[in-house]
């Protein structure tokens, strides 16, 4: 299954830290489900790009928590596998 191929507005977006084991678990889950998604490693960004990304993340989680997965109007904070599966698989 590839979720929303080519549709950047609804393509899942994972806000993550490159050293976070919970972020890695969510990424591995998405890969195992064959979901087409974008990963933003916030700790690898700098300057304006990082500021923009942090501002976007703050809209979803004012605490700036990682991992944060955004799928359309749904937001999952943390490595909540069951919730992620519900959102992606129905």
N, C-alpha and C. Protein backbone atom coordinates (compact mmCIF):
# COMPACT_ATOMS: atom_id res chain seq x y z
N UNK A 1 0.84 -1.18 0.00
CA UNK A 1 0.00 0.00 0.00
C UNK A 1 0.88 1.24 0.00
N UNK A 2 0.61 2.14 -0.89
CA UNK A 2 1.26 3.45 -0.86
C UNK A 2 0.17 4.45 -0.62
N UNK A 3 0.27 5.17 0.48
CA UNK A 3 -0.76 6.11 0.86
C UNK A 3 -0.58 7.42 0.12
N UNK A 4 -1.59 7.84 -0.60
CA UNK A 4 -1.61 9.15 -1.27
C UNK A 4 -0.34 9.43 -2.08
N UNK A 5 0.01 8.59 -3.03
CA UNK A 5 1.20 8.85 -3.82
C UNK A 5 1.10 10.16 -4.58
N UNK A 6 2.14 10.97 -4.46
CA UNK A 6 2.21 12.22 -5.21
C UNK A 6 1.38 13.35 -4.66
N UNK A 7 0.64 13.15 -3.59
CA UNK A 7 -0.20 14.19 -3.03
C UNK A 7 0.47 14.77 -1.79
N UNK A 8 1.24 15.84 -1.97
CA UNK A 8 2.04 16.40 -0.89
C UNK A 8 1.20 16.98 0.23
N UNK A 9 -0.05 17.36 -0.04
CA UNK A 9 -0.90 17.96 0.99
C UNK A 9 -1.36 16.91 2.02
N UNK A 10 -1.51 15.68 1.59
CA UNK A 10 -1.98 14.64 2.51
C UNK A 10 -0.91 13.58 2.79
N UNK A 11 0.26 13.76 2.22
CA UNK A 11 1.36 12.82 2.45
C UNK A 11 1.77 12.90 3.91
N UNK A 12 1.85 11.77 4.61
CA UNK A 12 2.26 11.79 6.02
C UNK A 12 3.63 12.45 6.20
N UNK A 13 3.74 13.17 7.30
CA UNK A 13 4.98 13.88 7.61
C UNK A 13 5.39 13.50 9.02
N UNK A 14 6.63 13.02 9.15
CA UNK A 14 7.17 12.62 10.44
C UNK A 14 8.21 13.63 10.89
N UNK A 15 7.92 14.33 11.99
CA UNK A 15 8.89 15.22 12.63
C UNK A 15 9.68 14.36 13.60
N UNK A 16 11.00 14.30 13.43
CA UNK A 16 11.81 13.37 14.21
C UNK A 16 13.16 13.97 14.56
N UNK A 17 13.83 13.29 15.47
CA UNK A 17 15.23 13.58 15.80
C UNK A 17 16.05 12.38 15.34
N UNK A 18 17.19 12.62 14.76
CA UNK A 18 18.00 11.54 14.19
C UNK A 18 18.51 10.56 15.23
N UNK A 19 18.57 10.95 16.50
CA UNK A 19 19.09 10.09 17.56
C UNK A 19 17.99 9.49 18.44
N UNK A 20 16.75 9.70 18.09
CA UNK A 20 15.61 9.28 18.91
C UNK A 20 15.16 7.87 18.54
N UNK A 21 15.20 6.95 19.52
CA UNK A 21 14.81 5.57 19.23
C UNK A 21 13.31 5.45 18.97
N UNK A 22 12.50 6.29 19.59
CA UNK A 22 11.06 6.26 19.35
C UNK A 22 10.75 6.75 17.93
N UNK A 23 11.48 7.75 17.48
CA UNK A 23 11.33 8.25 16.11
C UNK A 23 11.70 7.15 15.12
N UNK A 24 12.76 6.42 15.40
CA UNK A 24 13.20 5.33 14.53
C UNK A 24 12.14 4.22 14.48
N UNK A 25 11.47 3.95 15.61
CA UNK A 25 10.41 2.94 15.64
C UNK A 25 9.23 3.34 14.76
N UNK A 26 8.84 4.61 14.82
CA UNK A 26 7.73 5.08 13.99
C UNK A 26 8.12 5.02 12.52
N UNK A 27 9.32 5.44 12.20
CA UNK A 27 9.78 5.39 10.81
C UNK A 27 9.80 3.95 10.30
N UNK A 28 10.30 3.02 11.12
CA UNK A 28 10.33 1.61 10.72
C UNK A 28 8.92 1.07 10.50
N UNK A 29 7.98 1.47 11.35
CA UNK A 29 6.59 1.05 11.20
C UNK A 29 6.03 1.54 9.87
N UNK A 30 6.25 2.81 9.55
CA UNK A 30 5.74 3.36 8.30
C UNK A 30 6.33 2.63 7.09
N UNK A 31 7.61 2.33 7.17
CA UNK A 31 8.26 1.60 6.08
C UNK A 31 7.66 0.20 5.96
N UNK A 32 7.44 -0.46 7.10
CA UNK A 32 6.89 -1.82 7.06
C UNK A 32 5.47 -1.84 6.50
N UNK A 33 4.75 -0.74 6.65
CA UNK A 33 3.39 -0.62 6.12
C UNK A 33 3.38 -0.12 4.68
N UNK A 34 4.57 0.11 4.12
CA UNK A 34 4.72 0.59 2.74
C UNK A 34 4.02 1.93 2.53
N UNK A 35 4.14 2.81 3.52
CA UNK A 35 3.55 4.14 3.44
C UNK A 35 4.59 5.10 2.86
N UNK A 36 4.17 5.87 1.90
CA UNK A 36 5.02 6.90 1.30
C UNK A 36 4.91 8.14 2.19
N UNK A 37 6.01 8.56 2.83
CA UNK A 37 5.97 9.65 3.80
C UNK A 37 7.25 10.47 3.73
N UNK A 38 7.21 11.63 4.37
CA UNK A 38 8.38 12.50 4.48
C UNK A 38 8.86 12.51 5.91
N UNK A 39 10.17 12.49 6.10
CA UNK A 39 10.76 12.60 7.42
C UNK A 39 11.53 13.91 7.50
N UNK A 40 11.26 14.66 8.56
CA UNK A 40 12.00 15.90 8.82
C UNK A 40 12.82 15.69 10.10
N UNK A 41 14.13 15.52 9.93
CA UNK A 41 15.02 15.40 11.09
C UNK A 41 15.36 16.81 11.55
N UNK A 42 14.64 17.27 12.54
CA UNK A 42 14.75 18.65 12.99
C UNK A 42 16.16 18.98 13.49
N UNK A 43 16.82 18.01 14.13
CA UNK A 43 18.16 18.26 14.66
C UNK A 43 19.22 18.37 13.56
N UNK A 44 18.88 18.02 12.34
CA UNK A 44 19.82 18.14 11.23
C UNK A 44 19.61 19.42 10.42
N UNK A 45 18.61 20.21 10.80
CA UNK A 45 18.33 21.47 10.10
C UNK A 45 19.05 22.61 10.80
N UNK A 46 19.22 23.70 10.08
CA UNK A 46 19.87 24.88 10.66
C UNK A 46 19.21 26.14 10.15
N UNK A 47 19.43 27.22 10.88
CA UNK A 47 18.99 28.54 10.46
C UNK A 47 17.50 28.66 10.21
N UNK A 48 17.18 29.34 9.11
CA UNK A 48 15.79 29.62 8.75
C UNK A 48 14.99 28.34 8.52
N UNK A 49 15.62 27.35 7.93
CA UNK A 49 14.94 26.08 7.67
C UNK A 49 14.51 25.42 8.98
N UNK A 50 15.40 25.44 9.97
CA UNK A 50 15.07 24.86 11.27
C UNK A 50 13.98 25.67 11.96
N UNK A 51 14.07 26.99 11.92
CA UNK A 51 13.06 27.85 12.53
C UNK A 51 11.69 27.61 11.92
N UNK A 52 11.65 27.50 10.60
CA UNK A 52 10.38 27.25 9.91
C UNK A 52 9.80 25.90 10.34
N UNK A 53 10.64 24.88 10.38
CA UNK A 53 10.20 23.53 10.75
C UNK A 53 9.70 23.50 12.20
N UNK A 54 10.41 24.15 13.11
CA UNK A 54 10.00 24.19 14.51
C UNK A 54 8.67 24.94 14.66
N UNK A 55 8.49 26.01 13.89
CA UNK A 55 7.23 26.74 13.92
C UNK A 55 6.07 25.87 13.45
N UNK A 56 6.30 25.09 12.40
CA UNK A 56 5.26 24.18 11.91
C UNK A 56 4.97 23.10 12.95
N UNK A 57 6.00 22.54 13.55
CA UNK A 57 5.83 21.51 14.57
C UNK A 57 5.05 22.05 15.77
N UNK A 58 5.32 23.28 16.14
CA UNK A 58 4.64 23.89 17.29
C UNK A 58 3.13 24.00 17.07
N UNK A 59 2.71 24.10 15.81
CA UNK A 59 1.28 24.11 15.50
C UNK A 59 0.61 22.80 15.89
N UNK A 60 1.36 21.71 15.83
CA UNK A 60 0.83 20.38 16.14
C UNK A 60 1.05 19.99 17.59
N UNK A 61 2.16 20.41 18.16
CA UNK A 61 2.49 20.07 19.54
C UNK A 61 3.28 21.23 20.16
N UNK A 62 2.60 22.09 20.92
CA UNK A 62 3.28 23.23 21.54
C UNK A 62 4.47 22.83 22.41
N UNK A 63 4.46 21.57 22.89
CA UNK A 63 5.57 21.09 23.72
C UNK A 63 6.77 20.68 22.86
N UNK A 64 6.61 20.70 21.54
CA UNK A 64 7.66 20.31 20.59
C UNK A 64 8.13 18.88 20.87
N UNK A 65 7.17 17.96 20.94
CA UNK A 65 7.44 16.55 21.25
C UNK A 65 7.83 15.76 20.01
N UNK A 66 8.68 14.76 20.21
CA UNK A 66 9.13 13.88 19.14
C UNK A 66 8.90 12.44 19.55
N UNK A 67 8.54 11.60 18.60
CA UNK A 67 8.17 11.90 17.22
C UNK A 67 6.75 12.46 17.15
N UNK A 68 6.52 13.23 16.11
CA UNK A 68 5.18 13.72 15.80
C UNK A 68 4.89 13.33 14.36
N UNK A 69 3.81 12.59 14.17
CA UNK A 69 3.40 12.16 12.84
C UNK A 69 2.12 12.89 12.48
N UNK A 70 2.12 13.52 11.31
CA UNK A 70 0.96 14.25 10.82
C UNK A 70 0.46 13.55 9.56
N UNK A 71 -0.81 13.13 9.62
CA UNK A 71 -1.46 12.47 8.48
C UNK A 71 -2.77 13.20 8.24
N UNK A 72 -2.76 14.11 7.27
CA UNK A 72 -3.95 14.92 7.03
C UNK A 72 -4.29 15.74 8.26
N UNK A 73 -5.49 15.55 8.80
CA UNK A 73 -5.92 16.27 10.00
C UNK A 73 -5.57 15.53 11.29
N UNK A 74 -5.01 14.34 11.16
CA UNK A 74 -4.66 13.54 12.33
C UNK A 74 -3.22 13.78 12.74
N UNK A 75 -2.99 13.86 14.05
CA UNK A 75 -1.66 14.05 14.60
C UNK A 75 -1.44 12.99 15.68
N UNK A 76 -0.32 12.28 15.58
CA UNK A 76 0.04 11.29 16.57
C UNK A 76 1.37 11.73 17.18
N UNK A 77 1.36 11.93 18.49
CA UNK A 77 2.57 12.33 19.20
C UNK A 77 3.07 11.12 19.98
N UNK A 78 4.29 10.73 19.70
CA UNK A 78 4.86 9.56 20.34
C UNK A 78 4.77 8.34 19.44
N UNK A 79 5.37 7.26 19.90
CA UNK A 79 5.41 6.01 19.12
C UNK A 79 4.20 5.16 19.46
N UNK A 80 3.03 5.64 19.09
CA UNK A 80 1.75 4.97 19.39
C UNK A 80 1.35 4.11 18.19
N UNK A 81 1.92 2.92 18.12
CA UNK A 81 1.75 2.05 16.97
C UNK A 81 0.30 1.76 16.64
N UNK A 82 -0.49 1.42 17.64
CA UNK A 82 -1.89 1.09 17.38
C UNK A 82 -2.64 2.27 16.76
N UNK A 83 -2.42 3.46 17.29
CA UNK A 83 -3.10 4.66 16.75
C UNK A 83 -2.64 4.94 15.33
N UNK A 84 -1.36 4.78 15.06
CA UNK A 84 -0.84 5.01 13.72
C UNK A 84 -1.48 4.03 12.75
N UNK A 85 -1.56 2.77 13.14
CA UNK A 85 -2.19 1.76 12.29
C UNK A 85 -3.66 2.10 12.04
N UNK A 86 -4.38 2.55 13.06
CA UNK A 86 -5.79 2.93 12.90
C UNK A 86 -5.95 4.04 11.87
N UNK A 87 -5.10 5.04 11.95
CA UNK A 87 -5.20 6.18 11.04
C UNK A 87 -4.87 5.75 9.61
N UNK A 88 -3.81 4.97 9.45
CA UNK A 88 -3.35 4.62 8.12
C UNK A 88 -4.13 3.49 7.46
N UNK A 89 -4.59 2.56 8.29
CA UNK A 89 -5.23 1.37 7.72
C UNK A 89 -6.74 1.34 7.91
N UNK A 90 -7.23 2.31 8.69
CA UNK A 90 -8.68 2.39 8.89
C UNK A 90 -9.22 1.57 9.94
